[in-house]
C-alpha atoms as a PDB file:
ATOM      1  CA  MET A   1    -100.308-112.895-141.259  1.00  0.00           C
ATOM      2  CA  ASN A   2    -102.427-116.064-141.895  1.00  0.00           C
ATOM      3  CA  VAL A   3    -102.943-117.642-138.459  1.00  0.00           C
ATOM      4  CA  ALA A   4    -104.711-120.801-137.332  1.00  0.00           C
ATOM      5  CA  ILE A   5    -105.793-121.424-133.816  1.00  0.00           C
ATOM      6  CA  VAL A   6    -106.065-125.135-132.923  1.00  0.00           C
ATOM      7  CA  LYS A   7    -108.535-125.599-129.901  1.00  0.00           C
ATOM      8  CA  LEU A   8    -110.677-128.354-130.678  1.00  0.00           C
ATOM      9  CA  SER A   9    -112.721-128.728-127.475  1.00  0.00           C
ATOM     10  CA  SER A  10    -114.385-128.573-124.883  1.00  0.00           C
ATOM     11  CA  ILE A  11    -117.081-125.816-124.823  1.00  0.00           C
ATOM     12  CA  GLY A  12    -115.552-124.151-121.737  1.00  0.00           C
ATOM     13  CA  ASP A  13    -112.019-124.313-123.002  1.00  0.00           C
ATOM     14  CA  VAL A  14    -112.954-122.952-126.463  1.00  0.00           C
ATOM     15  CA  ILE A  15    -114.818-120.013-124.598  1.00  0.00           C
ATOM     16  CA  HIS A  16    -111.670-119.382-122.567  1.00  0.00           C
ATOM     17  CA  ALA A  17    -109.510-119.111-125.854  1.00  0.00           C
ATOM     18  CA  LEU A  18    -111.632-116.577-127.527  1.00  0.00           C
ATOM     19  CA  PRO A  19    -109.711-113.627-126.283  1.00  0.00           C
ATOM     20  CA  VAL A  20    -106.741-115.091-128.460  1.00  0.00           C
ATOM     21  CA  ALA A  21    -108.512-114.439-131.775  1.00  0.00           C
ATOM     22  CA  ALA A  22    -109.847-110.949-130.307  1.00  0.00           C
ATOM     23  CA  ALA A  23    -106.242-109.975-129.550  1.00  0.00           C
ATOM     24  CA  LEU A  24    -104.857-110.917-132.954  1.00  0.00           C
ATOM     25  CA  LYS A  25    -107.514-108.762-134.617  1.00  0.00           C
ATOM     26  CA  ARG A  26    -107.042-105.836-132.299  1.00  0.00           C
ATOM     27  CA  HIS A  27    -103.270-105.770-132.612  1.00  0.00           C
ATOM     28  CA  ARG A  28    -102.760-107.090-136.184  1.00  0.00           C
ATOM     29  CA  PRO A  29    -106.145-106.034-137.994  1.00  0.00           C
ATOM     30  CA  GLU A  30    -104.854-107.314-141.228  1.00  0.00           C
ATOM     31  CA  THR A  31    -104.274-110.868-139.900  1.00  0.00           C
ATOM     32  CA  ARG A  32    -106.609-113.647-141.237  1.00  0.00           C
ATOM     33  CA  VAL A  33    -107.761-115.877-138.350  1.00  0.00           C
ATOM     34  CA  THR A  34    -108.838-119.414-138.944  1.00  0.00           C
ATOM     35  CA  TRP A  35    -110.202-121.646-136.034  1.00  0.00           C
ATOM     36  CA  VAL A  36    -109.929-125.486-136.026  1.00  0.00           C
ATOM     37  CA  ALA A  37    -112.388-127.025-133.813  1.00  0.00           C
ATOM     38  CA  GLU A  38    -114.714-130.159-133.274  1.00  0.00           C
ATOM     39  CA  ALA A  39    -118.117-130.137-134.781  1.00  0.00           C
ATOM     40  CA  ARG A  40    -120.106-129.174-131.733  1.00  0.00           C
ATOM     41  CA  GLU A  41    -117.801-126.546-130.791  1.00  0.00           C
ATOM     42  CA  ALA A  42    -117.727-125.090-134.273  1.00  0.00           C
ATOM     43  CA  THR A  43    -121.501-124.125-133.894  1.00  0.00           C
ATOM     44  CA  LEU A  44    -120.622-121.722-131.216  1.00  0.00           C
ATOM     45  CA  LEU A  45    -117.805-120.269-133.219  1.00  0.00           C
ATOM     46  CA  ALA A  46    -119.723-119.790-136.446  1.00  0.00           C
ATOM     47  CA  GLY A  47    -120.222-116.187-137.355  1.00  0.00           C
ATOM     48  CA  HIS A  48    -117.762-114.762-134.633  1.00  0.00           C
ATOM     49  CA  PRO A  49    -116.645-111.354-135.482  1.00  0.00           C
ATOM     50  CA  ASP A  50    -112.913-112.201-134.935  1.00  0.00           C
ATOM     51  CA  LEU A  51    -112.787-115.187-137.206  1.00  0.00           C
ATOM     52  CA  ASP A  52    -112.349-115.463-140.880  1.00  0.00           C
ATOM     53  CA  GLU A  53    -113.222-119.195-141.136  1.00  0.00           C
ATOM     54  CA  VAL A  54    -114.008-122.145-138.895  1.00  0.00           C
ATOM     55  CA  ILE A  55    -112.619-125.506-139.938  1.00  0.00           C
ATOM     56  CA  ILE A  56    -114.333-128.642-138.425  1.00  0.00           C
ATOM     57  CA  ALA A  57    -111.907-131.484-137.303  1.00  0.00           C
ATOM     58  CA  ASP A  58    -114.446-134.169-136.340  1.00  0.00           C
ATOM     59  CA  THR A  59    -112.028-136.175-134.290  1.00  0.00           C
ATOM     60  CA  ARG A  60    -114.953-137.470-131.963  1.00  0.00           C
ATOM     61  CA  GLY A  61    -116.811-138.817-135.177  1.00  0.00           C
ATOM     62  CA  TRP A  62    -113.415-140.596-136.158  1.00  0.00           C
ATOM     63  CA  ARG A  63    -113.253-142.336-132.908  1.00  0.00           C
ATOM     64  CA  ARG A  64    -116.858-143.096-132.359  1.00  0.00           C
ATOM     65  CA  GLY A  65    -117.301-146.018-134.705  1.00  0.00           C
ATOM     66  CA  ARG A  66    -117.264-144.479-138.050  1.00  0.00           C
ATOM     67  CA  ALA A  67    -116.028-146.770-140.795  1.00  0.00           C
ATOM     68  CA  GLN A  68    -112.381-146.975-140.793  1.00  0.00           C
ATOM     69  CA  ILE A  69    -112.049-146.243-144.647  1.00  0.00           C
ATOM     70  CA  GLU A  70    -114.580-143.180-144.228  1.00  0.00           C
ATOM     71  CA  ALA A  71    -112.497-141.898-141.202  1.00  0.00           C
ATOM     72  CA  LEU A  72    -109.196-141.970-143.229  1.00  0.00           C
ATOM     73  CA  HIS A  73    -110.876-140.200-146.049  1.00  0.00           C
ATOM     74  CA  ASP A  74    -111.972-137.401-143.817  1.00  0.00           C
ATOM     75  CA  MET A  75    -108.683-137.145-142.287  1.00  0.00           C
ATOM     76  CA  GLY A  76    -106.860-136.988-145.611  1.00  0.00           C
ATOM     77  CA  ALA A  77    -109.366-134.332-146.845  1.00  0.00           C
ATOM     78  CA  LEU A  78    -108.763-132.282-143.662  1.00  0.00           C
ATOM     79  CA  ALA A  79    -104.999-132.534-144.150  1.00  0.00           C
ATOM     80  CA  ARG A  80    -105.153-131.410-147.661  1.00  0.00           C
ATOM     81  CA  ARG A  81    -107.454-128.443-146.587  1.00  0.00           C
ATOM     82  CA  LEU A  82    -105.225-127.360-143.745  1.00  0.00           C
ATOM     83  CA  ARG A  83    -101.973-127.514-146.078  1.00  0.00           C
ATOM     84  CA  ALA A  84    -103.864-125.449-148.718  1.00  0.00           C
ATOM     85  CA  ARG A  85    -104.591-122.610-146.441  1.00  0.00           C
ATOM     86  CA  ALA A  86    -100.755-121.886-146.212  1.00  0.00           C
ATOM     87  CA  PHE A  87    -100.919-120.802-142.672  1.00  0.00           C
ATOM     88  CA  ASP A  88     -97.723-118.510-141.539  1.00  0.00           C
ATOM     89  CA  VAL A  89     -98.565-119.233-137.924  1.00  0.00           C
ATOM     90  CA  VAL A  90    -100.362-122.068-135.921  1.00  0.00           C
ATOM     91  CA  LEU A  91    -101.258-121.706-132.221  1.00  0.00           C
ATOM     92  CA  ASP A  92    -101.830-125.011-130.506  1.00  0.00           C
ATOM     93  CA  LEU A  93    -103.806-124.034-127.512  1.00  0.00           C
ATOM     94  CA  GLN A  94    -104.908-127.755-126.883  1.00  0.00           C
ATOM     95  CA  GLY A  95    -101.597-129.485-125.950  1.00  0.00           C
ATOM     96  CA  LEU A  96    -102.751-132.939-126.856  1.00  0.00           C
ATOM     97  CA  MET A  97    -101.511-135.453-129.407  1.00  0.00           C
ATOM     98  CA  LYS A  98    -104.521-134.899-131.687  1.00  0.00           C
ATOM     99  CA  SER A  99    -104.070-131.015-131.759  1.00  0.00           C
ATOM    100  CA  GLY A 100    -100.234-131.452-132.277  1.00  0.00           C
ATOM    101  CA  LEU A 101    -100.970-133.885-135.166  1.00  0.00           C
ATOM    102  CA  LEU A 102    -103.252-131.126-136.739  1.00  0.00           C
ATOM    103  CA  THR A 103    -100.635-128.577-136.116  1.00  0.00           C
ATOM    104  CA  ALA A 104     -98.065-130.639-137.822  1.00  0.00           C
ATOM    105  CA  LEU A 105    -100.365-131.326-140.930  1.00  0.00           C
ATOM    106  CA  THR A 106    -100.499-127.504-141.563  1.00  0.00           C
ATOM    107  CA  ARG A 107     -96.880-127.454-142.370  1.00  0.00           C
ATOM    108  CA  ALA A 108     -96.686-123.844-140.959  1.00  0.00           C
ATOM    109  CA  PRO A 109     -93.119-122.301-140.597  1.00  0.00           C
ATOM    110  CA  ARG A 110     -94.171-121.188-137.034  1.00  0.00           C
ATOM    111  CA  ARG A 111     -95.879-123.542-134.909  1.00  0.00           C
ATOM    112  CA  ILE A 112     -96.325-122.054-131.316  1.00  0.00           C
ATOM    113  CA  GLY A 113     -97.732-124.038-128.312  1.00  0.00           C
ATOM    114  CA  PHE A 114     -97.146-124.678-124.644  1.00  0.00           C
ATOM    115  CA  ALA A 115     -93.808-125.610-123.203  1.00  0.00           C
ATOM    116  CA  ARG A 116     -93.426-128.799-121.161  1.00  0.00           C
ATOM    117  CA  GLY A 117     -95.224-128.687-118.022  1.00  0.00           C
ATOM    118  CA  PHE A 118     -98.074-126.658-119.482  1.00  0.00           C
ATOM    119  CA  ARG A 119     -98.909-129.153-122.348  1.00  0.00           C
ATOM    120  CA  ARG A 120    -101.554-131.833-121.381  1.00  0.00           C
ATOM    121  CA  GLU A 121     -99.798-134.501-123.397  1.00  0.00           C
ATOM    122  CA  TRP A 122     -96.130-134.340-123.618  1.00  0.00           C
ATOM    123  CA  LEU A 123     -95.938-135.773-127.193  1.00  0.00           C
ATOM    124  CA  SER A 124     -97.870-132.748-128.555  1.00  0.00           C
ATOM    125  CA  GLY A 125     -94.499-130.778-128.296  1.00  0.00           C
ATOM    126  CA  LEU A 126     -93.010-132.739-131.078  1.00  0.00           C
ATOM    127  CA  SER A 127     -95.211-130.708-133.442  1.00  0.00           C
ATOM    128  CA  ILE A 128     -94.312-127.221-132.312  1.00  0.00           C
ATOM    129  CA  ASN A 129     -91.038-125.204-132.832  1.00  0.00           C
ATOM    130  CA  GLU A 130     -91.801-122.244-130.594  1.00  0.00           C
ATOM    131  CA  PRO A 131     -92.714-123.592-127.098  1.00  0.00           C
ATOM    132  CA  VAL A 132     -94.000-120.738-124.570  1.00  0.00           C
ATOM    133  CA  ARG A 133     -93.902-120.914-120.848  1.00  0.00           C
ATOM    134  CA  PRO A 134     -96.602-118.624-119.512  1.00  0.00           C
ATOM    135  CA  PRO A 135     -95.601-116.289-116.694  1.00  0.00           C
ATOM    136  CA  ALA A 136     -96.322-117.211-113.347  1.00  0.00           C
ATOM    137  CA  THR A 137     -98.899-114.395-112.922  1.00  0.00           C
ATOM    138  CA  ALA A 138    -101.120-116.296-115.582  1.00  0.00           C
ATOM    139  CA  ARG A 139    -102.999-118.126-113.075  1.00  0.00           C
ATOM    140  CA  HIS A 140    -106.201-118.491-115.181  1.00  0.00           C
ATOM    141  CA  ALA A 141    -106.527-120.573-118.374  1.00  0.00           C
ATOM    142  CA  VAL A 142    -107.462-117.458-120.335  1.00  0.00           C
ATOM    143  CA  GLU A 143    -104.320-115.760-119.147  1.00  0.00           C
ATOM    144  CA  GLN A 144    -102.281-118.598-120.138  1.00  0.00           C
ATOM    145  CA  TYR A 145    -103.808-118.880-123.765  1.00  0.00           C
ATOM    146  CA  VAL A 146    -103.042-115.292-124.511  1.00  0.00           C
ATOM    147  CA  ALA A 147     -99.524-115.831-123.375  1.00  0.00           C
ATOM    148  CA  LEU A 148     -98.998-117.912-126.493  1.00  0.00           C
ATOM    149  CA  LEU A 149     -99.313-114.596-128.530  1.00  0.00           C
ATOM    150  CA  THR A 150     -95.965-113.201-126.947  1.00  0.00           C
ATOM    151  CA  PRO A 151     -93.807-114.633-129.773  1.00  0.00           C
ATOM    152  CA  LEU A 152     -95.987-112.465-132.172  1.00  0.00           C
ATOM    153  CA  GLY A 153     -95.383-109.219-130.118  1.00  0.00           C
ATOM    154  CA  ILE A 154     -98.559-109.232-128.412  1.00  0.00           C
ATOM    155  CA  ALA A 155     -98.318-109.083-124.627  1.00  0.00           C
ATOM    156  CA  ASP A 156    -101.059-108.554-121.940  1.00  0.00           C
ATOM    157  CA  PRO A 157    -103.806-107.747-124.308  1.00  0.00           C
ATOM    158  CA  ALA A 158    -107.292-106.696-123.251  1.00  0.00           C
ATOM    159  CA  ILE A 159    -109.477-109.787-122.626  1.00  0.00           C
ATOM    160  CA  GLU A 160    -112.566-109.914-125.061  1.00  0.00           C
ATOM    161  CA  PHE A 161    -114.765-112.814-125.708  1.00  0.00           C
ATOM    162  CA  ARG A 162    -117.420-111.228-128.167  1.00  0.00           C
ATOM    163  CA  LEU A 163    -119.910-114.080-128.775  1.00  0.00           C
ATOM    164  CA  ALA A 164    -121.903-113.145-131.653  1.00  0.00           C
ATOM    165  CA  PRO A 165    -125.707-112.632-130.946  1.00  0.00           C
ATOM    166  CA  ASP A 166    -128.313-114.691-132.967  1.00  0.00           C
ATOM    167  CA  ALA A 167    -131.451-113.011-133.632  1.00  0.00           C
ATOM    168  CA  ASP A 168    -133.388-116.453-134.356  1.00  0.00           C
ATOM    169  CA  ALA A 169    -132.132-117.911-131.060  1.00  0.00           C
ATOM    170  CA  ASP A 170    -133.141-114.666-129.285  1.00  0.00           C
ATOM    171  CA  ARG A 171    -136.685-115.114-130.542  1.00  0.00           C
ATOM    172  CA  ARG A 172    -136.914-118.619-129.683  1.00  0.00           C
ATOM    173  CA  VAL A 173    -135.630-117.923-126.103  1.00  0.00           C
ATOM    174  CA  GLU A 174    -138.169-115.015-125.655  1.00  0.00           C
ATOM    175  CA  ALA A 175    -140.947-117.085-126.646  1.00  0.00           C
ATOM    176  CA  PHE A 176    -140.030-119.795-124.273  1.00  0.00           C
ATOM    177  CA  LEU A 177    -139.736-117.262-121.360  1.00  0.00           C
ATOM    178  CA  ALA A 178    -142.997-115.562-122.307  1.00  0.00           C
ATOM    179  CA  GLY A 179    -144.583-118.951-122.259  1.00  0.00           C
ATOM    180  CA  THR A 180    -143.620-119.612-118.711  1.00  0.00           C
ATOM    181  CA  GLY A 181    -144.648-116.257-117.462  1.00  0.00           C
ATOM    182  CA  ILE A 182    -141.097-114.883-116.990  1.00  0.00           C
ATOM    183  CA  LYS A 183    -140.852-111.176-117.578  1.00  0.00           C
ATOM    184  CA  PRO A 184    -137.733-109.024-118.387  1.00  0.00           C
ATOM    185  CA  ARG A 185    -137.876-107.629-114.959  1.00  0.00           C
ATOM    186  CA  ASP A 186    -138.067-110.891-113.155  1.00  0.00           C
ATOM    187  CA  ARG A 187    -135.038-112.370-111.276  1.00  0.00           C
ATOM    188  CA  LEU A 188    -134.012-114.972-113.860  1.00  0.00           C
ATOM    189  CA  VAL A 189    -131.474-117.533-112.448  1.00  0.00           C
ATOM    190  CA  LEU A 190    -130.345-120.295-114.708  1.00  0.00           C
ATOM    191  CA  VAL A 191    -129.190-123.666-113.007  1.00  0.00           C
ATOM    192  CA  ASN A 192    -127.161-126.241-114.826  1.00  0.00           C
ATOM    193  CA  PRO A 193    -127.011-129.246-112.527  1.00  0.00           C
ATOM    194  CA  GLY A 194    -125.412-131.538-115.250  1.00  0.00           C
ATOM    195  CA  SER A 195    -121.779-132.067-115.729  1.00  0.00           C
ATOM    196  CA  GLY A 196    -119.550-134.042-118.127  1.00  0.00           C
ATOM    197  CA  ARG A 197    -117.769-135.870-115.431  1.00  0.00           C
ATOM    198  CA  PRO A 198    -119.561-137.301-112.291  1.00  0.00           C
ATOM    199  CA  ASP A 199    -116.984-136.088-109.868  1.00  0.00           C
ATOM    200  CA  LYS A 200    -117.617-132.435-111.186  1.00  0.00           C
ATOM    201  CA  GLN A 201    -121.215-132.735-110.427  1.00  0.00           C
ATOM    202  CA  TRP A 202    -122.877-131.193-107.271  1.00  0.00           C
ATOM    203  CA  PRO A 203    -125.383-133.570-105.863  1.00  0.00           C
ATOM    204  CA  VAL A 204    -129.066-133.215-107.140  1.00  0.00           C
ATOM    205  CA  ALA A 205    -130.492-132.908-103.626  1.00  0.00           C
ATOM    206  CA  HIS A 206    -128.167-129.895-103.120  1.00  0.00           C
ATOM    207  CA  TYR A 207    -129.464-128.204-106.420  1.00  0.00           C
ATOM    208  CA  ARG A 208    -132.929-128.800-105.179  1.00  0.00           C
ATOM    209  CA  GLU A 209    -132.364-127.093-101.986  1.00  0.00           C
ATOM    210  CA  LEU A 210    -130.619-124.128-103.458  1.00  0.00           C
ATOM    211  CA  ALA A 211    -133.282-123.664-106.094  1.00  0.00           C
ATOM    212  CA  ARG A 212    -136.079-123.765-103.386  1.00  0.00           C
ATOM    213  CA  ARG A 213    -134.163-121.365-101.248  1.00  0.00           C
ATOM    214  CA  LEU A 214    -133.688-118.939-104.174  1.00  0.00           C
ATOM    215  CA  ALA A 215    -137.312-118.916-105.181  1.00  0.00           C
ATOM    216  CA  ASP A 216    -138.545-118.553-101.571  1.00  0.00           C
ATOM    217  CA  GLU A 217    -136.016-116.050-100.156  1.00  0.00           C
ATOM    218  CA  ALA A 218    -134.781-114.187-103.230  1.00  0.00           C
ATOM    219  CA  GLY A 219    -137.917-114.208-105.327  1.00  0.00           C
ATOM    220  CA  ALA A 220    -135.924-115.720-108.237  1.00  0.00           C
ATOM    221  CA  ARG A 221    -137.529-117.405-111.214  1.00  0.00           C
ATOM    222  CA  ILE A 222    -135.409-120.607-111.629  1.00  0.00           C
ATOM    223  CA  VAL A 223    -134.987-122.161-115.059  1.00  0.00           C
ATOM    224  CA  VAL A 224    -132.996-125.403-115.046  1.00  0.00           C
ATOM    225  CA  LEU A 225    -130.954-126.304-118.090  1.00  0.00           C
ATOM    226  CA  TRP A 226    -129.970-129.960-119.254  1.00  0.00           C
ATOM    227  CA  GLY A 227    -128.260-131.854-121.787  1.00  0.00           C
ATOM    228  CA  PRO A 228    -128.430-135.441-123.141  1.00  0.00           C
ATOM    229  CA  GLY A 229    -129.503-137.823-120.338  1.00  0.00           C
ATOM    230  CA  GLU A 230    -130.038-135.023-117.873  1.00  0.00           C
ATOM    231  CA  GLU A 231    -133.677-134.088-118.352  1.00  0.00           C
ATOM    232  CA  ALA A 232    -135.001-136.044-115.364  1.00  0.00           C
ATOM    233  CA  ASP A 233    -132.729-134.331-112.850  1.00  0.00           C
ATOM    234  CA  ALA A 234    -133.410-131.006-114.459  1.00  0.00           C
ATOM    235  CA  ARG A 235    -137.227-131.453-113.969  1.00  0.00           C
ATOM    236  CA  THR A 236    -136.592-132.771-110.330  1.00  0.00           C
ATOM    237  CA  VAL A 237    -134.682-129.636-109.453  1.00  0.00           C
ATOM    238  CA  ALA A 238    -137.209-127.256-111.307  1.00  0.00           C
ATOM    239  CA  ALA A 239    -140.127-128.732-109.300  1.00  0.00           C
ATOM    240  CA  SER A 240    -138.349-127.926-106.162  1.00  0.00           C
ATOM    241  CA  ALA A 241    -138.716-124.157-106.800  1.00  0.00           C
ATOM    242  CA  VAL A 242    -142.009-122.154-106.992  1.00  0.00           C
ATOM    243  CA  ASP A 243    -142.815-121.568-110.666  1.00  0.00           C
ATOM    244  CA  GLY A 244    -139.532-123.267-111.515  1.00  0.00           C
ATOM    245  CA  ALA A 245    -139.285-124.613-114.986  1.00  0.00           C
ATOM    246  CA  ALA A 246    -136.970-126.942-117.023  1.00  0.00           C
ATOM    247  CA  ALA A 247    -135.655-125.314-120.310  1.00  0.00           C
ATOM    248  CA  PRO A 248    -136.555-126.944-123.503  1.00  0.00           C
ATOM    249  CA  PRO A 249    -133.767-128.676-125.451  1.00  0.00           C
ATOM    250  CA  THR A 250    -131.392-125.677-126.391  1.00  0.00           C
ATOM    251  CA  SER A 251    -128.680-125.318-128.995  1.00  0.00           C
ATOM    252  CA  LEU A 252    -125.472-123.608-127.940  1.00  0.00           C
ATOM    253  CA  ARG A 253    -126.752-120.586-129.569  1.00  0.00           C
ATOM    254  CA  GLU A 254    -129.924-120.647-127.733  1.00  0.00           C
ATOM    255  CA  LEU A 255    -128.064-121.348-124.495  1.00  0.00           C
ATOM    256  CA  THR A 256    -125.912-118.199-125.143  1.00  0.00           C
ATOM    257  CA  ALA A 257    -129.218-116.262-125.705  1.00  0.00           C
ATOM    258  CA  LEU A 258    -130.574-117.577-122.334  1.00  0.00           C
ATOM    259  CA  ALA A 259    -127.578-116.533-120.417  1.00  0.00           C
ATOM    260  CA  ARG A 260    -127.672-113.112-121.803  1.00  0.00           C
ATOM    261  CA  ARG A 261    -131.282-112.785-120.406  1.00  0.00           C
ATOM    262  CA  ALA A 262    -130.328-114.099-117.025  1.00  0.00           C
ATOM    263  CA  ARG A 263    -129.391-112.451-113.785  1.00  0.00           C
ATOM    264  CA  LEU A 264    -127.326-115.237-112.629  1.00  0.00           C
ATOM    265  CA  MET A 265    -125.855-118.600-113.732  1.00  0.00           C
ATOM    266  CA  ILE A 266    -125.140-121.382-111.343  1.00  0.00           C
ATOM    267  CA  ALA A 267    -123.194-124.546-112.179  1.00  0.00           C
ATOM    268  CA  GLY A 268    -120.171-126.516-111.928  1.00  0.00           C
ATOM    269  CA  ASP A 269    -117.115-126.481-114.114  1.00  0.00           C
ATOM    270  CA  THR A 270    -119.147-126.872-117.368  1.00  0.00           C
ATOM    271  CA  GLY A 271    -119.536-125.102-120.631  1.00  0.00           C
ATOM    272  CA  PRO A 272    -122.815-123.115-119.768  1.00  0.00           C
ATOM    273  CA  LEU A 273    -121.011-121.674-116.887  1.00  0.00           C
ATOM    274  CA  HIS A 274    -118.323-120.196-118.981  1.00  0.00           C
ATOM    275  CA  ILE A 275    -120.761-119.108-121.978  1.00  0.00           C
ATOM    276  CA  ALA A 276    -122.632-117.092-119.293  1.00  0.00           C
ATOM    277  CA  ALA A 277    -119.408-115.475-117.972  1.00  0.00           C
ATOM    278  CA  ALA A 278    -118.418-114.545-121.619  1.00  0.00           C
ATOM    279  CA  VAL A 279    -121.655-112.710-122.213  1.00  0.00           C
ATOM    280  CA  GLY A 280    -121.274-110.841-118.893  1.00  0.00           C
ATOM    281  CA  THR A 281    -123.883-112.547-116.835  1.00  0.00           C
ATOM    282  CA  PRO A 282    -122.783-112.955-113.130  1.00  0.00           C
ATOM    283  CA  CYS A 283    -121.887-116.540-112.267  1.00  0.00           C
ATOM    284  CA  LEU A 284    -121.584-118.807-109.278  1.00  0.00           C
ATOM    285  CA  GLY A 285    -119.272-121.703-109.959  1.00  0.00           C
ATOM    286  CA  LEU A 286    -119.098-124.887-107.758  1.00  0.00           C
ATOM    287  CA  TYR A 287    -115.712-126.406-107.888  1.00  0.00           C
ATOM    288  CA  GLY A 288    -114.287-129.636-106.435  1.00  0.00           C
ATOM    289  CA  PRO A 289    -111.852-131.644-108.392  1.00  0.00           C
ATOM    290  CA  THR A 290    -110.907-128.803-110.657  1.00  0.00           C
ATOM    291  CA  SER A 291    -109.266-125.453-109.625  1.00  0.00           C
ATOM    292  CA  GLY A 292    -111.610-122.490-109.600  1.00  0.00           C
ATOM    293  CA  ALA A 293    -108.710-120.147-109.837  1.00  0.00           C
ATOM    294  CA  ARG A 294    -107.456-121.615-113.013  1.00  0.00           C
ATOM    295  CA  ASN A 295    -110.834-122.875-114.784  1.00  0.00           C
ATOM    296  CA  GLY A 296    -113.554-120.570-112.990  1.00  0.00           C
ATOM    297  CA  PRO A 297    -115.579-117.990-114.774  1.00  0.00           C
ATOM    298  CA  TYR A 298    -113.245-115.260-115.866  1.00  0.00           C
ATOM    299  CA  GLY A 299    -113.767-111.661-115.079  1.00  0.00           C
ATOM    300  CA  SER A 300    -115.237-109.619-112.233  1.00  0.00           C
ATOM    301  CA  GLY A 301    -118.632-110.060-110.752  1.00  0.00           C
ATOM    302  CA  HIS A 302    -118.510-113.861-110.305  1.00  0.00           C
ATOM    303  CA  ARG A 303    -118.194-116.052-107.257  1.00  0.00           C
ATOM    304  CA  VAL A 304    -116.470-119.449-106.901  1.00  0.00           C
ATOM    305  CA  LEU A 305    -117.172-121.956-104.053  1.00  0.00           C
ATOM    306  CA  GLN A 306    -114.246-124.377-104.006  1.00  0.00           C
ATOM    307  CA  SER A 307    -114.502-127.543-102.066  1.00  0.00           C
ATOM    308  CA  ALA A 308    -111.967-127.921 -99.207  1.00  0.00           C
ATOM    309  CA  ASP A 309    -111.479-131.792 -99.779  1.00  0.00           C
ATOM    310  CA  GLY A 310    -112.007-131.862-103.448  1.00  0.00           C
ATOM    311  CA  ARG A 311    -115.464-133.489-103.355  1.00  0.00           C
ATOM    312  CA  MET A 312    -118.414-131.621-104.820  1.00  0.00           C
ATOM    313  CA  ALA A 313    -120.908-132.868-102.173  1.00  0.00           C
ATOM    314  CA  SER A 314    -118.658-130.966 -99.393  1.00  0.00           C
ATOM    315  CA  ILE A 315    -119.900-127.633-100.699  1.00  0.00           C
ATOM    316  CA  PRO A 316    -123.075-126.912 -98.441  1.00  0.00           C
ATOM    317  CA  PRO A 317    -125.996-125.679-100.090  1.00  0.00           C
ATOM    318  CA  ALA A 318    -126.577-123.131 -97.460  1.00  0.00           C
ATOM    319  CA  ASP A 319    -123.305-121.476 -98.599  1.00  0.00           C
ATOM    320  CA  ALA A 320    -124.353-121.686-102.258  1.00  0.00           C
ATOM    321  CA  ALA A 321    -127.685-120.140-101.427  1.00  0.00           C
ATOM    322  CA  ALA A 322    -125.996-117.192 -99.541  1.00  0.00           C
ATOM    323  CA  ALA A 323    -123.514-116.523-102.396  1.00  0.00           C
ATOM    324  CA  ALA A 324    -126.309-116.793-105.065  1.00  0.00           C
ATOM    325  CA  THR A 325    -128.625-114.396-103.182  1.00  0.00           C
ATOM    326  CA  ALA A 326    -125.849-111.869-102.749  1.00  0.00           C
ATOM    327  CA  LEU A 327    -125.065-112.016-106.595  1.00  0.00           C
ATOM    328  CA  VAL A 328    -128.815-111.743-107.419  1.00  0.00           C
ATOM    329  CA  GLU A 329    -129.222-108.730-105.387  1.00  0.00           C
ATOM    330  CA  ALA A 330    -126.182-106.998-106.704  1.00  0.00           C
ATOM    331  CA  ALA A 331    -127.078-107.612-110.360  1.00  0.00           C
END
């Protein structure tokens, strides 16, 4: 089979979809697997052992002020490239109009996607011809994604993420950690206070208290991650902990390398949390408006604190500190 997976974004959603590629390769080793993703997410997928090709669909660039003629040219080139691959099967894991359009452009004879009620935008259903309704037991996003493999005769596969290591990223991370005096035996805890949505962000003051308590009471070495526009908050949180440090600007590969070195990752419903879970690092997820049962770190050894009223500020720092300390001690 020649299969395309359409899962454009975001980072956490792409991570959750990786077991689909792994299951295809385990059950049908001869399958050629192509992934269609946004430019940012494609950097995380490059070199993945279960992927034969990654195709970039830069829909963000098309929507962010690129000249109309240039955007149309890029879309046309992408459409020709998708048709030229002659896919037998396309799996639309996104369930959006844009992913549905890309699915239709492939002209694949089998186009599998979510049934009504599981699609994020109902119009995406016009592009698929094999709708799938995940079973009631598939509560987590990972389980819902792999359910789309059922029409291909793959049911209840083992869940594998298999993020590829990057030796250069590992060296850069080790140099940073050595420069801050963090040794392999230290209790390295990564804290990611940022969020793509304001309503998913735990207050910076709560992160400050948590970082201080972990350093004082659990002997943790705190490294604070940050993205665009988040550096000031990261340095504020790092300054709250003894010997705390803000991370340097990190690529997704470097973030993955840092996560592999850590004893614990603490974050809201964000990409860094799911990257850490995928490489086997214990995670503490802080959840408010989104469901930790569906979108939390997947697998055993993690904890989720779910706000009772949907507000992130309602999660007490003392509860987070107790949960984080227990995870650090158990690691």
